[in-house]
Amino acid sequence: MRPTGRDPRQTDHRVAEAEAEAEAEAEAEAEAESEREGWLGDVEGLHVSLVGAEDKLAQIDRRRGNRTTVDLGIPTPQPAFAEPPSRP
């Protein structure tokens, strides 16, 4: 497999966000249809699902804000056959 230069965790995060957005949109559309059609029992259940999908999106947004960058520095190359340190 050829490296893509992308961090798989970032790709997973983007996929999760896209799925959560699609889920929220689908729930909102289903809730609107249920209200139009008078399916009152479905409206309540769909509303609960929509609130859950919106909460998932909020969690993703909160995680995105908590990221910090850590400077690990640049490694210094060492000779392959370095002399062991001298012991006193």
PDB file of N, CA and C in Angstrom:
ATOM      1  N   MET A   1       0.853  -1.182   0.000  1.00  0.00           N
ATOM      2  CA  MET A   1       0.000   0.000   0.000  1.00  0.00           C
ATOM      3  C   MET A   1       0.892   1.235   0.000  1.00  0.00           C
ATOM      4  N   ARG A   2       0.598   2.155  -0.870  1.00  0.00           N
ATOM      5  CA  ARG A   2       1.378   3.377  -0.973  1.00  0.00           C
ATOM      6  C   ARG A   2       0.943   4.384   0.077  1.00  0.00           C
ATOM      7  N   PRO A   3       1.894   5.032   0.771  1.00  0.00           N
ATOM      8  CA  PRO A   3       1.497   6.030   1.767  1.00  0.00           C
ATOM      9  C   PRO A   3       0.823   7.224   1.100  1.00  0.00           C
ATOM     10  N   THR A   4      -0.210   7.745   1.750  1.00  0.00           N
ATOM     11  CA  THR A   4      -0.956   8.865   1.187  1.00  0.00           C
ATOM     12  C   THR A   4      -0.490  10.200   1.735  1.00  0.00           C
ATOM     13  N   GLY A   5       0.310  10.174   2.787  1.00  0.00           N
ATOM     14  CA  GLY A   5       0.733  11.431   3.400  1.00  0.00           C
ATOM     15  C   GLY A   5      -0.324  12.000   4.326  1.00  0.00           C
ATOM     16  N   ARG A   6      -1.393  11.264   4.554  1.00  0.00           N
ATOM     17  CA  ARG A   6      -2.472  11.724   5.429  1.00  0.00           C
ATOM     18  C   ARG A   6      -2.479  10.907   6.703  1.00  0.00           C
ATOM     19  N   ASP A   7      -2.826  11.576   7.763  1.00  0.00           N
ATOM     20  CA  ASP A   7      -2.973  10.899   9.049  1.00  0.00           C
ATOM     21  C   ASP A   7      -4.314  10.177   9.030  1.00  0.00           C
ATOM     22  N   PRO A   8      -4.332   8.839   9.208  1.00  0.00           N
ATOM     23  CA  PRO A   8      -5.608   8.111   9.143  1.00  0.00           C
ATOM     24  C   PRO A   8      -6.598   8.583  10.187  1.00  0.00           C
ATOM     25  N   ARG A   9      -6.118   9.101  11.314  1.00  0.00           N
ATOM     26  CA  ARG A   9      -7.052   9.600  12.331  1.00  0.00           C
ATOM     27  C   ARG A   9      -7.801  10.817  11.825  1.00  0.00           C
ATOM     28  N   GLN A  10      -7.136  11.661  11.026  1.00  0.00           N
ATOM     29  CA  GLN A  10      -7.822  12.818  10.452  1.00  0.00           C
ATOM     30  C   GLN A  10      -8.868  12.367   9.455  1.00  0.00           C
ATOM     31  N   THR A  11      -8.535  11.364   8.656  1.00  0.00           N
ATOM     32  CA  THR A  11      -9.496  10.841   7.680  1.00  0.00           C
ATOM     33  C   THR A  11     -10.694  10.248   8.406  1.00  0.00           C
ATOM     34  N   ASP A  12     -10.438   9.471   9.470  1.00  0.00           N
ATOM     35  CA  ASP A  12     -11.532   8.901  10.253  1.00  0.00           C
ATOM     36  C   ASP A  12     -12.405   9.997  10.835  1.00  0.00           C
ATOM     37  N   HIS A  13     -11.779  11.082  11.305  1.00  0.00           N
ATOM     38  CA  HIS A  13     -12.521  12.200  11.883  1.00  0.00           C
ATOM     39  C   HIS A  13     -13.413  12.844  10.827  1.00  0.00           C
ATOM     40  N   ARG A  14     -12.871  13.019   9.627  1.00  0.00           N
ATOM     41  CA  ARG A  14     -13.663  13.628   8.554  1.00  0.00           C
ATOM     42  C   ARG A  14     -14.828  12.736   8.159  1.00  0.00           C
ATOM     43  N   VAL A  15     -14.584  11.440   8.120  1.00  0.00           N
ATOM     44  CA  VAL A  15     -15.652  10.493   7.778  1.00  0.00           C
ATOM     45  C   VAL A  15     -16.737  10.526   8.845  1.00  0.00           C
ATOM     46  N   ALA A  16     -16.332  10.518  10.121  1.00  0.00           N
ATOM     47  CA  ALA A  16     -17.306  10.561  11.219  1.00  0.00           C
ATOM     48  C   ALA A  16     -18.128  11.841  11.160  1.00  0.00           C
ATOM     49  N   GLU A  17     -17.470  12.958  10.859  1.00  0.00           N
ATOM     50  CA  GLU A  17     -18.185  14.226  10.772  1.00  0.00           C
ATOM     51  C   GLU A  17     -19.182  14.214   9.610  1.00  0.00           C
ATOM     52  N   ALA A  18     -18.764  13.702   8.460  1.00  0.00           N
ATOM     53  CA  ALA A  18     -19.658  13.639   7.298  1.00  0.00           C
ATOM     54  C   ALA A  18     -20.846  12.729   7.582  1.00  0.00           C
ATOM     55  N   GLU A  19     -20.590  11.594   8.242  1.00  0.00           N
ATOM     56  CA  GLU A  19     -21.682  10.679   8.584  1.00  0.00           C
ATOM     57  C   GLU A  19     -22.653  11.331   9.567  1.00  0.00           C
ATOM     58  N   ALA A  20     -22.128  12.046  10.557  1.00  0.00           N
ATOM     59  CA  ALA A  20     -22.990  12.702  11.543  1.00  0.00           C
ATOM     60  C   ALA A  20     -23.832  13.795  10.880  1.00  0.00           C
ATOM     61  N   GLU A  21     -23.224  14.546   9.955  1.00  0.00           N
ATOM     62  CA  GLU A  21     -23.979  15.586   9.242  1.00  0.00           C
ATOM     63  C   GLU A  21     -25.086  14.968   8.393  1.00  0.00           C
ATOM     64  N   ALA A  22     -24.774  13.885   7.703  1.00  0.00           N
ATOM     65  CA  ALA A  22     -25.778  13.216   6.868  1.00  0.00           C
ATOM     66  C   ALA A  22     -26.904  12.651   7.731  1.00  0.00           C
ATOM     67  N   GLU A  23     -26.537  12.092   8.879  1.00  0.00           N
ATOM     68  CA  GLU A  23     -27.544  11.541   9.786  1.00  0.00           C
ATOM     69  C   GLU A  23     -28.468  12.649  10.304  1.00  0.00           C
ATOM     70  N   ALA A  24     -27.889  13.787  10.699  1.00  0.00           N
ATOM     71  CA  ALA A  24     -28.698  14.904  11.198  1.00  0.00           C
ATOM     72  C   ALA A  24     -29.633  15.426  10.114  1.00  0.00           C
ATOM     73  N   GLU A  25     -29.121  15.530   8.894  1.00  0.00           N
ATOM     74  CA  GLU A  25     -29.950  16.012   7.787  1.00  0.00           C
ATOM     75  C   GLU A  25     -31.096  15.048   7.498  1.00  0.00           C
ATOM     76  N   ALA A  26     -30.803  13.754   7.476  1.00  0.00           N
ATOM     77  CA  ALA A  26     -31.837  12.747   7.203  1.00  0.00           C
ATOM     78  C   ALA A  26     -32.897  12.752   8.306  1.00  0.00           C
ATOM     79  N   GLU A  27     -32.465  12.886   9.560  1.00  0.00           N
ATOM     80  CA  GLU A  27     -33.420  12.913  10.676  1.00  0.00           C
ATOM     81  C   GLU A  27     -34.308  14.149  10.584  1.00  0.00           C
ATOM     82  N   ALA A  28     -33.737  15.297  10.241  1.00  0.00           N
ATOM     83  CA  ALA A  28     -34.524  16.528  10.111  1.00  0.00           C
ATOM     84  C   ALA A  28     -35.554  16.393   8.994  1.00  0.00           C
ATOM     85  N   GLU A  29     -35.147  15.808   7.870  1.00  0.00           N
ATOM     86  CA  GLU A  29     -36.083  15.615   6.757  1.00  0.00           C
ATOM     87  C   GLU A  29     -37.193  14.642   7.139  1.00  0.00           C
ATOM     88  N   ALA A  30     -36.839  13.558   7.825  1.00  0.00           N
ATOM     89  CA  ALA A  30     -37.841  12.574   8.240  1.00  0.00           C
ATOM     90  C   ALA A  30     -38.811  13.180   9.247  1.00  0.00           C
ATOM     91  N   GLU A  31     -38.299  14.006  10.154  1.00  0.00           N
ATOM     92  CA  GLU A  31     -39.153  14.655  11.143  1.00  0.00           C
ATOM     93  C   GLU A  31     -40.132  15.612  10.453  1.00  0.00           C
ATOM     94  N   ALA A  32     -39.634  16.388   9.484  1.00  0.00           N
ATOM     95  CA  ALA A  32     -40.507  17.317   8.754  1.00  0.00           C
ATOM     96  C   ALA A  32     -41.587  16.551   7.992  1.00  0.00           C
ATOM     97  N   GLU A  33     -41.223  15.428   7.364  1.00  0.00           N
ATOM     98  CA  GLU A  33     -42.204  14.625   6.634  1.00  0.00           C
ATOM     99  C   GLU A  33     -43.264  14.063   7.589  1.00  0.00           C
ATOM    100  N   SER A  34     -42.832  13.576   8.743  1.00  0.00           N
ATOM    101  CA  SER A  34     -43.775  13.024   9.710  1.00  0.00           C
ATOM    102  C   SER A  34     -44.768  14.079  10.182  1.00  0.00           C
ATOM    103  N   GLU A  35     -44.277  15.298  10.396  1.00  0.00           N
ATOM    104  CA  GLU A  35     -45.177  16.384  10.807  1.00  0.00           C
ATOM    105  C   GLU A  35     -46.181  16.707   9.702  1.00  0.00           C
ATOM    106  N   ARG A  36     -45.688  16.773   8.439  1.00  0.00           N
ATOM    107  CA  ARG A  36     -46.576  17.062   7.302  1.00  0.00           C
ATOM    108  C   ARG A  36     -47.658  16.000   7.157  1.00  0.00           C
ATOM    109  N   GLU A  37     -47.276  14.735   7.345  1.00  0.00           N
ATOM    110  CA  GLU A  37     -48.191  13.626   7.154  1.00  0.00           C
ATOM    111  C   GLU A  37     -49.055  13.342   8.382  1.00  0.00           C
ATOM    112  N   GLY A  38     -48.732  13.989   9.507  1.00  0.00           N
ATOM    113  CA  GLY A  38     -49.521  13.778  10.718  1.00  0.00           C
ATOM    114  C   GLY A  38     -49.157  12.514  11.476  1.00  0.00           C
ATOM    115  N   TRP A  39     -47.966  12.004  11.276  1.00  0.00           N
ATOM    116  CA  TRP A  39     -47.519  10.796  11.975  1.00  0.00           C
ATOM    117  C   TRP A  39     -46.924  11.217  13.317  1.00  0.00           C
ATOM    118  N   LEU A  40     -47.782  11.556  14.266  1.00  0.00           N
ATOM    119  CA  LEU A  40     -47.335  12.174  15.513  1.00  0.00           C
ATOM    120  C   LEU A  40     -46.424  11.268  16.335  1.00  0.00           C
ATOM    121  N   GLY A  41     -46.665   9.966  16.336  1.00  0.00           N
ATOM    122  CA  GLY A  41     -45.783   9.066  17.089  1.00  0.00           C
ATOM    123  C   GLY A  41     -44.373   9.068  16.530  1.00  0.00           C
ATOM    124  N   ASP A  42     -44.258   9.138  15.224  1.00  0.00           N
ATOM    125  CA  ASP A  42     -42.944   9.168  14.591  1.00  0.00           C
ATOM    126  C   ASP A  42     -42.217  10.475  14.855  1.00  0.00           C
ATOM    127  N   VAL A  43     -42.957  11.571  14.940  1.00  0.00           N
ATOM    128  CA  VAL A  43     -42.332  12.880  15.130  1.00  0.00           C
ATOM    129  C   VAL A  43     -41.504  12.894  16.405  1.00  0.00           C
ATOM    130  N   GLU A  44     -42.072  12.380  17.488  1.00  0.00           N
ATOM    131  CA  GLU A  44     -41.339  12.397  18.760  1.00  0.00           C
ATOM    132  C   GLU A  44     -40.072  11.548  18.683  1.00  0.00           C
ATOM    133  N   GLY A  45     -40.181  10.348  18.133  1.00  0.00           N
ATOM    134  CA  GLY A  45     -39.010   9.482  18.009  1.00  0.00           C
ATOM    135  C   GLY A  45     -37.941  10.074  17.116  1.00  0.00           C
ATOM    136  N   LEU A  46     -38.366  10.672  16.009  1.00  0.00           N
ATOM    137  CA  LEU A  46     -37.407  11.291  15.102  1.00  0.00           C
ATOM    138  C   LEU A  46     -36.757  12.512  15.736  1.00  0.00           C
ATOM    139  N   HIS A  47     -37.515  13.231  16.549  1.00  0.00           N
ATOM    140  CA  HIS A  47     -36.943  14.386  17.228  1.00  0.00           C
ATOM    141  C   HIS A  47     -35.828  13.946  18.177  1.00  0.00           C
ATOM    142  N   VAL A  48     -36.049  12.857  18.885  1.00  0.00           N
ATOM    143  CA  VAL A  48     -35.011  12.329  19.795  1.00  0.00           C
ATOM    144  C   VAL A  48     -33.773  11.937  18.988  1.00  0.00           C
ATOM    145  N   SER A  49     -33.969  11.294  17.841  1.00  0.00           N
ATOM    146  CA  SER A  49     -32.844  10.913  16.987  1.00  0.00           C
ATOM    147  C   SER A  49     -32.107  12.135  16.461  1.00  0.00           C
ATOM    148  N   LEU A  50     -32.849  13.162  16.076  1.00  0.00           N
ATOM    149  CA  LEU A  50     -32.238  14.383  15.571  1.00  0.00           C
ATOM    150  C   LEU A  50     -31.401  15.055  16.652  1.00  0.00           C
ATOM    151  N   VAL A  51     -31.916  15.109  17.863  1.00  0.00           N
ATOM    152  CA  VAL A  51     -31.164  15.707  18.967  1.00  0.00           C
ATOM    153  C   VAL A  51     -29.864  14.918  19.194  1.00  0.00           C
ATOM    154  N   GLY A  52     -29.934  13.593  19.098  1.00  0.00           N
ATOM    155  CA  GLY A  52     -28.730  12.769  19.251  1.00  0.00           C
ATOM    156  C   GLY A  52     -27.715  13.039  18.157  1.00  0.00           C
ATOM    157  N   ALA A  53     -28.174  13.177  16.920  1.00  0.00           N
ATOM    158  CA  ALA A  53     -27.261  13.463  15.807  1.00  0.00           C
ATOM    159  C   ALA A  53     -26.627  14.836  15.962  1.00  0.00           C
ATOM    160  N   GLU A  54     -27.405  15.816  16.389  1.00  0.00           N
ATOM    161  CA  GLU A  54     -26.855  17.159  16.615  1.00  0.00           C
ATOM    162  C   GLU A  54     -25.850  17.152  17.756  1.00  0.00           C
ATOM    163  N   ASP A  55     -26.106  16.335  18.782  1.00  0.00           N
ATOM    164  CA  ASP A  55     -25.169  16.218  19.897  1.00  0.00           C
ATOM    165  C   ASP A  55     -23.850  15.605  19.418  1.00  0.00           C
ATOM    166  N   LYS A  56     -23.943  14.626  18.525  1.00  0.00           N
ATOM    167  CA  LYS A  56     -22.732  14.003  17.982  1.00  0.00           C
ATOM    168  C   LYS A  56     -21.901  15.047  17.230  1.00  0.00           C
ATOM    169  N   LEU A  57     -22.558  15.892  16.445  1.00  0.00           N
ATOM    170  CA  LEU A  57     -21.839  16.957  15.735  1.00  0.00           C
ATOM    171  C   LEU A  57     -21.199  17.934  16.711  1.00  0.00           C
ATOM    172  N   ALA A  58     -21.895  18.263  17.792  1.00  0.00           N
ATOM    173  CA  ALA A  58     -21.338  19.163  18.798  1.00  0.00           C
ATOM    174  C   ALA A  58     -20.103  18.545  19.456  1.00  0.00           C
ATOM    175  N   GLN A  59     -20.137  17.238  19.718  1.00  0.00           N
ATOM    176  CA  GLN A  59     -18.979  16.555  20.300  1.00  0.00           C
ATOM    177  C   GLN A  59     -17.787  16.619  19.351  1.00  0.00           C
ATOM    178  N   ILE A  60     -18.028  16.425  18.073  1.00  0.00           N
ATOM    179  CA  ILE A  60     -16.951  16.506  17.085  1.00  0.00           C
ATOM    180  C   ILE A  60     -16.354  17.901  17.090  1.00  0.00           C
ATOM    181  N   ASP A  61     -17.197  18.923  17.129  1.00  0.00           N
ATOM    182  CA  ASP A  61     -16.709  20.300  17.156  1.00  0.00           C
ATOM    183  C   ASP A  61     -15.896  20.583  18.421  1.00  0.00           C
ATOM    184  N   ARG A  62     -16.353  20.062  19.563  1.00  0.00           N
ATOM    185  CA  ARG A  62     -15.613  20.283  20.813  1.00  0.00           C
ATOM    186  C   ARG A  62     -14.245  19.618  20.759  1.00  0.00           C
ATOM    187  N   ARG A  63     -14.190  18.404  20.226  1.00  0.00           N
ATOM    188  CA  ARG A  63     -12.896  17.703  20.116  1.00  0.00           C
ATOM    189  C   ARG A  63     -11.943  18.457  19.205  1.00  0.00           C
ATOM    190  N   ARG A  64     -12.476  19.018  18.140  1.00  0.00           N
ATOM    191  CA  ARG A  64     -11.642  19.763  17.201  1.00  0.00           C
ATOM    192  C   ARG A  64     -11.002  20.958  17.906  1.00  0.00           C
ATOM    193  N   GLY A  65     -11.716  21.586  18.822  1.00  0.00           N
ATOM    194  CA  GLY A  65     -11.190  22.749  19.530  1.00  0.00           C
ATOM    195  C   GLY A  65     -10.177  22.414  20.595  1.00  0.00           C
ATOM    196  N   ASN A  66     -10.109  21.169  21.042  1.00  0.00           N
ATOM    197  CA  ASN A  66      -9.198  20.785  22.118  1.00  0.00           C
ATOM    198  C   ASN A  66      -7.832  20.335  21.620  1.00  0.00           C
ATOM    199  N   ARG A  67      -7.596  20.392  20.358  1.00  0.00           N
ATOM    200  CA  ARG A  67      -6.319  19.912  19.831  1.00  0.00           C
ATOM    201  C   ARG A  67      -5.214  20.921  20.105  1.00  0.00           C
ATOM    202  N   THR A  68      -4.087  20.405  20.520  1.00  0.00           N
ATOM    203  CA  THR A  68      -2.911  21.242  20.698  1.00  0.00           C
ATOM    204  C   THR A  68      -1.766  20.613  19.926  1.00  0.00           C
ATOM    205  N   THR A  69      -0.842  21.446  19.516  1.00  0.00           N
ATOM    206  CA  THR A  69       0.314  20.974  18.780  1.00  0.00           C
ATOM    207  C   THR A  69       1.488  20.870  19.734  1.00  0.00           C
ATOM    208  N   VAL A  70       2.206  19.792  19.636  1.00  0.00           N
ATOM    209  CA  VAL A  70       3.380  19.582  20.471  1.00  0.00           C
ATOM    210  C   VAL A  70       4.597  19.549  19.568  1.00  0.00           C
ATOM    211  N   ASP A  71       5.581  20.394  19.880  1.00  0.00           N
ATOM    212  CA  ASP A  71       6.820  20.425  19.117  1.00  0.00           C
ATOM    213  C   ASP A  71       7.748  19.345  19.659  1.00  0.00           C
ATOM    214  N   LEU A  72       8.003  18.337  18.863  1.00  0.00           N
ATOM    215  CA  LEU A  72       8.884  17.250  19.277  1.00  0.00           C
ATOM    216  C   LEU A  72      10.324  17.494  18.862  1.00  0.00           C
ATOM    217  N   GLY A  73      10.568  18.592  18.176  1.00  0.00           N
ATOM    218  CA  GLY A  73      11.923  18.895  17.738  1.00  0.00           C
ATOM    219  C   GLY A  73      12.312  18.060  16.529  1.00  0.00           C
ATOM    220  N   ILE A  74      13.529  18.302  16.071  1.00  0.00           N
ATOM    221  CA  ILE A  74      14.047  17.563  14.929  1.00  0.00           C
ATOM    222  C   ILE A  74      15.104  16.607  15.460  1.00  0.00           C
ATOM    223  N   PRO A  75      15.004  15.333  15.157  1.00  0.00           N
ATOM    224  CA  PRO A  75      15.995  14.383  15.658  1.00  0.00           C
ATOM    225  C   PRO A  75      17.376  14.662  15.069  1.00  0.00           C
ATOM    226  N   THR A  76      18.375  14.427  15.872  1.00  0.00           N
ATOM    227  CA  THR A  76      19.753  14.585  15.432  1.00  0.00           C
ATOM    228  C   THR A  76      20.281  13.216  15.022  1.00  0.00           C
ATOM    229  N   PRO A  77      20.761  13.086  13.790  1.00  0.00           N
ATOM    230  CA  PRO A  77      21.273  11.787  13.366  1.00  0.00           C
ATOM    231  C   PRO A  77      22.512  11.401  14.183  1.00  0.00           C
ATOM    232  N   GLN A  78      22.603  10.149  14.515  1.00  0.00           N
ATOM    233  CA  GLN A  78      23.746   9.619  15.260  1.00  0.00           C
ATOM    234  C   GLN A  78      24.511   8.680  14.336  1.00  0.00           C
ATOM    235  N   PRO A  79      25.823   8.622  14.497  1.00  0.00           N
ATOM    236  CA  PRO A  79      26.581   7.670  13.672  1.00  0.00           C
ATOM    237  C   PRO A  79      26.103   6.246  13.951  1.00  0.00           C
ATOM    238  N   ALA A  80      26.152   5.416  12.938  1.00  0.00           N
ATOM    239  CA  ALA A  80      25.671   4.048  13.064  1.00  0.00           C
ATOM    240  C   ALA A  80      26.475   3.256  14.083  1.00  0.00           C
ATOM    241  N   PHE A  81      27.796   3.473  14.154  1.00  0.00           N
ATOM    242  CA  PHE A  81      28.639   2.737  15.074  1.00  0.00           C
ATOM    243  C   PHE A  81      29.348   3.710  16.005  1.00  0.00           C
ATOM    244  N   ALA A  82      28.574   4.364  16.820  1.00  0.00           N
ATOM    245  CA  ALA A  82      29.139   5.345  17.756  1.00  0.00           C
ATOM    246  C   ALA A  82      29.895   4.621  18.863  1.00  0.00           C
ATOM    247  N   GLU A  83      30.930   5.280  19.346  1.00  0.00           N
ATOM    248  CA  GLU A  83      31.674   4.762  20.502  1.00  0.00           C
ATOM    249  C   GLU A  83      30.780   4.814  21.727  1.00  0.00           C
ATOM    250  N   PRO A  84      30.773   3.760  22.525  1.00  0.00           N
ATOM    251  CA  PRO A  84      29.993   3.815  23.745  1.00  0.00           C
ATOM    252  C   PRO A  84      30.554   4.890  24.680  1.00  0.00           C
ATOM    253  N   PRO A  85      29.691   5.508  25.468  1.00  0.00           N
ATOM    254  CA  PRO A  85      30.180   6.550  26.372  1.00  0.00           C
ATOM    255  C   PRO A  85      31.188   5.942  27.358  1.00  0.00           C
ATOM    256  N   SER A  86      32.194   6.725  27.678  1.00  0.00           N
ATOM    257  CA  SER A  86      33.220   6.245  28.615  1.00  0.00           C
ATOM    258  C   SER A  86      32.658   6.256  30.036  1.00  0.00           C
ATOM    259  N   ARG A  87      33.087   5.259  30.782  1.00  0.00           N
ATOM    260  CA  ARG A  87      32.610   5.150  32.154  1.00  0.00           C
ATOM    261  C   ARG A  87      33.690   5.634  33.102  1.00  0.00           C
ATOM    262  N   PRO A  88      33.281   6.417  34.084  1.00  0.00           N
ATOM    263  CA  PRO A  88      34.299   6.935  35.032  1.00  0.00           C
ATOM    264  C   PRO A  88      34.873   5.897  35.942  1.00  0.00           C
TER     265      PRO A  88
END
